[in-house]
Amino acid sequence: MSTAKAARFAIGDRVRVLDLDKSGHVRIPAYVRGKCGKIVQYCGKYLNPEDLSIGKTSGPAFDLYRVEFTQASLWDEPRNQSQDRLIIEIYDHWLTAA
């Protein structure tokens, strides 16, 4: 009997990155905070890098996703209205359903 919890998001789900004001080792660039993207890959479960950076080597594992953003959703400048995409790895605790 497996006790593994299923991932909260699936490929294709729309998500919003939380806009948290956190200091220290944070893997979320400021320019994606508060922005919406789409899950394009599930990467697995890993320890929280924010905890690992301060020497905490135990604790729960978090789901890690690759999230795709359009350039237009990230930048307000008209020249960034291309079809280019940006893909960033983001942990579950930074995401909410959009």
Foldseek 3Di string as FASTA:
>chain_A
DDPDDDAPDDFFFKKAFAQDDDDDDDQDDNLRHRFIWTFHFWDDWAPDVRCVVVPPPDDGTWTKTWTKDQQVRRDVDPVSNDRDIDIDIDTPVRIDGD
